[in-house]
C-alpha atoms as a PDB file:
ATOM      1  CA  MET A   1      23.556  16.973 -38.632  1.00  0.00           C
ATOM      2  CA  VAL A   2      25.930  15.341 -36.177  1.00  0.00           C
ATOM      3  CA  LEU A   3      24.200  13.016 -33.706  1.00  0.00           C
ATOM      4  CA  PHE A   4      26.389  12.462 -30.658  1.00  0.00           C
ATOM      5  CA  ALA A   5      25.496   9.885 -28.009  1.00  0.00           C
ATOM      6  CA  HIS A   6      27.760   9.653 -24.970  1.00  0.00           C
ATOM      7  CA  PRO A   7      27.078  11.068 -21.504  1.00  0.00           C
ATOM      8  CA  CYS A   8      30.711  11.795 -20.522  1.00  0.00           C
ATOM      9  CA  GLY A   9      32.541  14.839 -21.830  1.00  0.00           C
ATOM     10  CA  GLU A  10      35.955  13.352 -20.988  1.00  0.00           C
ATOM     11  CA  SER A  11      35.396  10.177 -23.047  1.00  0.00           C
ATOM     12  CA  PHE A  12      37.233   9.225 -26.226  1.00  0.00           C
ATOM     13  CA  SER A  13      33.841   9.386 -27.952  1.00  0.00           C
ATOM     14  CA  ALA A  14      33.665  13.047 -26.913  1.00  0.00           C
ATOM     15  CA  ALA A  15      37.087  13.630 -28.483  1.00  0.00           C
ATOM     16  CA  LEU A  16      35.849  11.988 -31.686  1.00  0.00           C
ATOM     17  CA  HIS A  17      32.759  14.189 -31.590  1.00  0.00           C
ATOM     18  CA  VAL A  18      34.879  17.336 -31.278  1.00  0.00           C
ATOM     19  CA  ARG A  19      37.109  16.209 -34.172  1.00  0.00           C
ATOM     20  CA  VAL A  20      34.090  15.537 -36.391  1.00  0.00           C
ATOM     21  CA  VAL A  21      32.404  18.873 -35.684  1.00  0.00           C
ATOM     22  CA  GLU A  22      35.583  20.960 -35.934  1.00  0.00           C
ATOM     23  CA  THR A  23      36.668  19.295 -39.182  1.00  0.00           C
ATOM     24  CA  LEU A  24      33.275  19.671 -40.824  1.00  0.00           C
ATOM     25  CA  ARG A  25      33.035  23.342 -39.822  1.00  0.00           C
ATOM     26  CA  ALA A  26      36.569  23.990 -41.098  1.00  0.00           C
ATOM     27  CA  ARG A  27      35.473  22.488 -44.439  1.00  0.00           C
ATOM     28  CA  GLY A  28      32.613  24.996 -44.613  1.00  0.00           C
ATOM     29  CA  TRP A  29      29.736  22.788 -43.480  1.00  0.00           C
ATOM     30  CA  GLU A  30      26.988  24.368 -41.406  1.00  0.00           C
ATOM     31  CA  VAL A  31      26.842  21.820 -38.589  1.00  0.00           C
ATOM     32  CA  ASP A  32      23.757  21.099 -36.518  1.00  0.00           C
ATOM     33  CA  ASP A  33      25.549  19.573 -33.535  1.00  0.00           C
ATOM     34  CA  CYS A  34      22.975  17.433 -31.745  1.00  0.00           C
ATOM     35  CA  ASP A  35      24.432  16.173 -28.463  1.00  0.00           C
ATOM     36  CA  LEU A  36      21.543  13.989 -27.351  1.00  0.00           C
ATOM     37  CA  ASN A  37      22.643  13.759 -23.716  1.00  0.00           C
ATOM     38  CA  ALA A  38      23.380  17.470 -23.346  1.00  0.00           C
ATOM     39  CA  GLU A  39      20.038  18.329 -24.941  1.00  0.00           C
ATOM     40  CA  GLY A  40      18.223  15.991 -22.567  1.00  0.00           C
ATOM     41  CA  PHE A  41      16.637  13.959 -25.365  1.00  0.00           C
ATOM     42  CA  ASP A  42      14.098  11.500 -23.943  1.00  0.00           C
ATOM     43  CA  PRO A  43      14.697   8.130 -25.646  1.00  0.00           C
ATOM     44  CA  VAL A  44      11.565   6.460 -24.290  1.00  0.00           C
ATOM     45  CA  LEU A  45       8.820   5.797 -26.809  1.00  0.00           C
ATOM     46  CA  SER A  46       5.613   6.276 -24.839  1.00  0.00           C
ATOM     47  CA  ALA A  47       2.506   4.133 -25.192  1.00  0.00           C
ATOM     48  CA  ALA A  48       0.682   7.075 -26.800  1.00  0.00           C
ATOM     49  CA  GLU A  49       3.499   7.585 -29.301  1.00  0.00           C
ATOM     50  CA  ARG A  50       3.496   3.894 -30.202  1.00  0.00           C
ATOM     51  CA  ARG A  51      -0.265   3.888 -30.669  1.00  0.00           C
ATOM     52  CA  GLY A  52       0.023   6.924 -32.952  1.00  0.00           C
ATOM     53  CA  TYR A  53       3.160   5.672 -34.733  1.00  0.00           C
ATOM     54  CA  HIS A  54       1.483   5.217 -38.116  1.00  0.00           C
ATOM     55  CA  ASP A  55      -0.553   8.436 -37.925  1.00  0.00           C
ATOM     56  CA  THR A  56       1.675  10.513 -40.206  1.00  0.00           C
ATOM     57  CA  ASP A  57      -0.416  13.625 -39.527  1.00  0.00           C
ATOM     58  CA  GLY A  58       0.403  13.643 -35.815  1.00  0.00           C
ATOM     59  CA  ASN A  59       3.183  11.174 -35.069  1.00  0.00           C
ATOM     60  CA  ILE A  60       5.917  13.821 -35.190  1.00  0.00           C
ATOM     61  CA  ASP A  61       4.327  16.178 -32.645  1.00  0.00           C
ATOM     62  CA  PRO A  62       6.322  14.921 -29.607  1.00  0.00           C
ATOM     63  CA  VAL A  63       9.645  15.184 -31.498  1.00  0.00           C
ATOM     64  CA  ALA A  64       8.864  17.888 -34.076  1.00  0.00           C
ATOM     65  CA  SER A  65      12.015  19.927 -33.441  1.00  0.00           C
ATOM     66  CA  TYR A  66      14.226  16.883 -34.060  1.00  0.00           C
ATOM     67  CA  VAL A  67      12.265  15.948 -37.171  1.00  0.00           C
ATOM     68  CA  ASP A  68      12.726  19.499 -38.506  1.00  0.00           C
ATOM     69  CA  ARG A  69      16.466  19.290 -37.888  1.00  0.00           C
ATOM     70  CA  LEU A  70      16.696  15.911 -39.614  1.00  0.00           C
ATOM     71  CA  ARG A  71      14.705  17.172 -42.579  1.00  0.00           C
ATOM     72  CA  ARG A  72      17.115  20.114 -43.006  1.00  0.00           C
ATOM     73  CA  ALA A  73      20.207  17.886 -43.014  1.00  0.00           C
ATOM     74  CA  ASP A  74      22.259  17.250 -46.155  1.00  0.00           C
ATOM     75  CA  ALA A  75      24.476  14.806 -44.289  1.00  0.00           C
ATOM     76  CA  LEU A  76      24.123  12.694 -41.166  1.00  0.00           C
ATOM     77  CA  VAL A  77      27.106  11.750 -38.996  1.00  0.00           C
ATOM     78  CA  LEU A  78      26.624   9.500 -35.981  1.00  0.00           C
ATOM     79  CA  VAL A  79      29.236   9.528 -33.200  1.00  0.00           C
ATOM     80  CA  PHE A  80      28.699   6.901 -30.518  1.00  0.00           C
ATOM     81  CA  PRO A  81      30.315   4.030 -28.627  1.00  0.00           C
ATOM     82  CA  VAL A  82      29.080   0.485 -29.110  1.00  0.00           C
ATOM     83  CA  TRP A  83      27.842  -0.862 -25.800  1.00  0.00           C
ATOM     84  CA  ASN A  84      26.706  -4.471 -25.399  1.00  0.00           C
ATOM     85  CA  PHE A  85      26.890  -4.896 -29.186  1.00  0.00           C
ATOM     86  CA  GLY A  86      24.400  -2.090 -29.720  1.00  0.00           C
ATOM     87  CA  TYR A  87      23.781   1.627 -29.655  1.00  0.00           C
ATOM     88  CA  PRO A  88      23.621   3.622 -26.445  1.00  0.00           C
ATOM     89  CA  ALA A  89      19.958   3.685 -25.387  1.00  0.00           C
ATOM     90  CA  ILE A  90      19.630   7.388 -26.127  1.00  0.00           C
ATOM     91  CA  LEU A  91      20.628   6.896 -29.785  1.00  0.00           C
ATOM     92  CA  LYS A  92      18.422   3.825 -30.205  1.00  0.00           C
ATOM     93  CA  GLY A  93      15.597   5.875 -28.699  1.00  0.00           C
ATOM     94  CA  PHE A  94      16.280   8.649 -31.216  1.00  0.00           C
ATOM     95  CA  PHE A  95      15.826   6.152 -34.047  1.00  0.00           C
ATOM     96  CA  ASP A  96      12.655   4.772 -32.430  1.00  0.00           C
ATOM     97  CA  ARG A  97      11.093   8.183 -31.812  1.00  0.00           C
ATOM     98  CA  VAL A  98      12.337  10.288 -34.755  1.00  0.00           C
ATOM     99  CA  PHE A  99      12.782   7.877 -37.681  1.00  0.00           C
ATOM    100  CA  LEU A 100       9.010   7.619 -38.085  1.00  0.00           C
ATOM    101  CA  PRO A 101       6.668   6.717 -40.927  1.00  0.00           C
ATOM    102  CA  GLY A 102       6.382   9.852 -43.032  1.00  0.00           C
ATOM    103  CA  VAL A 103       9.776  11.040 -41.781  1.00  0.00           C
ATOM    104  CA  SER A 104      12.464   8.481 -42.572  1.00  0.00           C
ATOM    105  CA  PHE A 105      10.307   6.160 -44.638  1.00  0.00           C
ATOM    106  CA  ARG A 106       6.949   5.786 -46.336  1.00  0.00           C
ATOM    107  CA  LEU A 107       4.879   2.642 -46.346  1.00  0.00           C
ATOM    108  CA  GLU A 108       3.561   1.922 -49.822  1.00  0.00           C
ATOM    109  CA  GLU A 109       1.562  -1.278 -50.237  1.00  0.00           C
ATOM    110  CA  GLY A 110       3.312  -2.694 -47.176  1.00  0.00           C
ATOM    111  CA  ARG A 111       6.799  -1.867 -48.450  1.00  0.00           C
ATOM    112  CA  VAL A 112       9.244   0.548 -46.856  1.00  0.00           C
ATOM    113  CA  ARG A 113      10.280   3.353 -49.232  1.00  0.00           C
ATOM    114  CA  PRO A 114      13.091   5.795 -48.413  1.00  0.00           C
ATOM    115  CA  ASN A 115      12.041   9.266 -47.324  1.00  0.00           C
ATOM    116  CA  LEU A 116      15.338  10.914 -46.291  1.00  0.00           C
ATOM    117  CA  THR A 117      16.925  10.908 -49.729  1.00  0.00           C
ATOM    118  CA  HIS A 118      17.997  14.542 -49.297  1.00  0.00           C
ATOM    119  CA  ILE A 119      20.703  13.163 -46.981  1.00  0.00           C
ATOM    120  CA  ARG A 120      23.494  12.597 -49.480  1.00  0.00           C
ATOM    121  CA  ARG A 121      26.237  11.631 -47.037  1.00  0.00           C
ATOM    122  CA  LEU A 122      26.003   9.205 -44.149  1.00  0.00           C
ATOM    123  CA  ALA A 123      28.810   8.373 -41.727  1.00  0.00           C
ATOM    124  CA  ALA A 124      29.217   6.601 -38.413  1.00  0.00           C
ATOM    125  CA  VAL A 125      32.190   7.103 -36.095  1.00  0.00           C
ATOM    126  CA  THR A 126      32.319   4.587 -33.299  1.00  0.00           C
ATOM    127  CA  THR A 127      34.361   2.522 -30.878  1.00  0.00           C
ATOM    128  CA  TYR A 128      33.971  -1.077 -29.749  1.00  0.00           C
ATOM    129  CA  GLY A 129      35.391  -2.443 -26.521  1.00  0.00           C
ATOM    130  CA  GLY A 130      35.992  -5.822 -28.146  1.00  0.00           C
ATOM    131  CA  THR A 131      37.785  -6.982 -31.255  1.00  0.00           C
ATOM    132  CA  ARG A 132      36.410  -6.904 -34.791  1.00  0.00           C
ATOM    133  CA  ARG A 133      36.170 -10.696 -34.694  1.00  0.00           C
ATOM    134  CA  ARG A 134      34.086 -10.592 -31.531  1.00  0.00           C
ATOM    135  CA  ALA A 135      31.764  -7.990 -33.065  1.00  0.00           C
ATOM    136  CA  PHE A 136      31.501 -10.093 -36.231  1.00  0.00           C
ATOM    137  CA  LEU A 137      30.589 -13.180 -34.245  1.00  0.00           C
ATOM    138  CA  ALA A 138      27.846 -11.191 -32.479  1.00  0.00           C
ATOM    139  CA  GLY A 139      26.498 -10.029 -35.862  1.00  0.00           C
ATOM    140  CA  ASP A 140      27.778  -6.448 -35.454  1.00  0.00           C
ATOM    141  CA  PRO A 141      24.281  -4.919 -35.202  1.00  0.00           C
ATOM    142  CA  PRO A 142      25.394  -1.242 -35.242  1.00  0.00           C
ATOM    143  CA  ARG A 143      27.336  -1.682 -38.492  1.00  0.00           C
ATOM    144  CA  ARG A 144      24.452  -3.574 -40.063  1.00  0.00           C
ATOM    145  CA  VAL A 145      21.876  -0.959 -39.081  1.00  0.00           C
ATOM    146  CA  VAL A 146      23.987   1.866 -40.536  1.00  0.00           C
ATOM    147  CA  LYS A 147      24.936   0.029 -43.719  1.00  0.00           C
ATOM    148  CA  ARG A 148      21.506  -1.471 -44.344  1.00  0.00           C
ATOM    149  CA  ALA A 149      18.610   0.210 -42.539  1.00  0.00           C
ATOM    150  CA  LEU A 150      19.931   3.786 -42.426  1.00  0.00           C
ATOM    151  CA  TRP A 151      21.366   3.420 -45.904  1.00  0.00           C
ATOM    152  CA  HIS A 152      17.965   2.233 -47.131  1.00  0.00           C
ATOM    153  CA  VAL A 153      16.054   5.271 -45.856  1.00  0.00           C
ATOM    154  CA  THR A 154      18.678   7.797 -47.009  1.00  0.00           C
ATOM    155  CA  ARG A 155      20.293   6.313 -50.138  1.00  0.00           C
ATOM    156  CA  PRO A 156      23.409   8.482 -49.705  1.00  0.00           C
ATOM    157  CA  ARG A 157      26.016   9.001 -52.403  1.00  0.00           C
ATOM    158  CA  ARG A 158      28.706   8.453 -49.781  1.00  0.00           C
ATOM    159  CA  LEU A 159      28.630   6.093 -46.804  1.00  0.00           C
ATOM    160  CA  ARG A 160      31.459   5.660 -44.294  1.00  0.00           C
ATOM    161  CA  TYR A 161      31.590   3.438 -41.220  1.00  0.00           C
ATOM    162  CA  LEU A 162      34.657   4.237 -39.123  1.00  0.00           C
ATOM    163  CA  ALA A 163      35.232   1.943 -36.180  1.00  0.00           C
ATOM    164  CA  LEU A 164      38.001   1.571 -33.654  1.00  0.00           C
ATOM    165  CA  TYR A 165      37.781  -2.006 -32.419  1.00  0.00           C
ATOM    166  CA  ASP A 166      39.393  -3.364 -29.262  1.00  0.00           C
ATOM    167  CA  MET A 167      39.153   0.007 -27.541  1.00  0.00           C
ATOM    168  CA  ASN A 168      39.710  -1.706 -24.199  1.00  0.00           C
ATOM    169  CA  ARG A 169      43.340  -2.257 -25.208  1.00  0.00           C
ATOM    170  CA  ALA A 170      43.916   0.749 -27.463  1.00  0.00           C
ATOM    171  CA  ASP A 171      46.855   2.860 -26.332  1.00  0.00           C
ATOM    172  CA  ALA A 172      47.213   6.612 -26.869  1.00  0.00           C
ATOM    173  CA  ALA A 173      49.072   6.141 -30.170  1.00  0.00           C
ATOM    174  CA  ARG A 174      46.348   3.926 -31.629  1.00  0.00           C
ATOM    175  CA  ARG A 175      43.604   6.287 -30.470  1.00  0.00           C
ATOM    176  CA  GLY A 176      45.559   9.181 -31.980  1.00  0.00           C
ATOM    177  CA  ARG A 177      45.817   7.407 -35.341  1.00  0.00           C
ATOM    178  CA  PHE A 178      42.075   6.797 -35.302  1.00  0.00           C
ATOM    179  CA  LEU A 179      41.395  10.471 -34.509  1.00  0.00           C
ATOM    180  CA  GLU A 180      43.556  11.414 -37.499  1.00  0.00           C
ATOM    181  CA  ARG A 181      41.709   8.967 -39.731  1.00  0.00           C
ATOM    182  CA  VAL A 182      38.374  10.401 -38.620  1.00  0.00           C
ATOM    183  CA  GLY A 183      39.646  13.907 -39.438  1.00  0.00           C
ATOM    184  CA  ARG A 184      40.729  12.810 -42.935  1.00  0.00           C
ATOM    185  CA  GLU A 185      37.413  11.095 -43.585  1.00  0.00           C
ATOM    186  CA  MET A 186      35.424  14.141 -42.451  1.00  0.00           C
ATOM    187  CA  GLU A 187      37.526  16.330 -44.747  1.00  0.00           C
ATOM    188  CA  ALA A 188      36.472  14.078 -47.630  1.00  0.00           C
ATOM    189  CA  LEU A 189      32.825  13.843 -46.575  1.00  0.00           C
END
């Protein structure tokens, strides 16, 4: 499953998305290409959903099709830009609404236990407007969520976090090198 979160088809993120999907398909993967913006995913967790969050018998009803897709995935690849040191709202909303108790984790005696362990490969492909140092000083929340929280609920055999920092000053050659790197990493996924 490729989760793509960017509203503009002409963006560099869109080019990364195309590279990821094409490379995975060329390697023989059956790709569920989930373009959250194109699909009109609603990122807003409603009051009713929040109240029913821990009801594992009914909490998936509003997002059942996305839960089914996630449950069928052997690998999860996120393609997104980092905005304001975080995920685009639509991707954060996907995590809030789809990574539910009984879906991505189980609560056992108050402890979170992984529930997406069928996902054996996890990757993130992203861009940051600022430098790596600036992201580090801000705590780099997207990297931490992928490498800690998402890792915890999936326990993949392979985890990759591919980031192009300082995108605001990246020229065509640097962007091209990053596209090539992403292609190589997807070939090895």
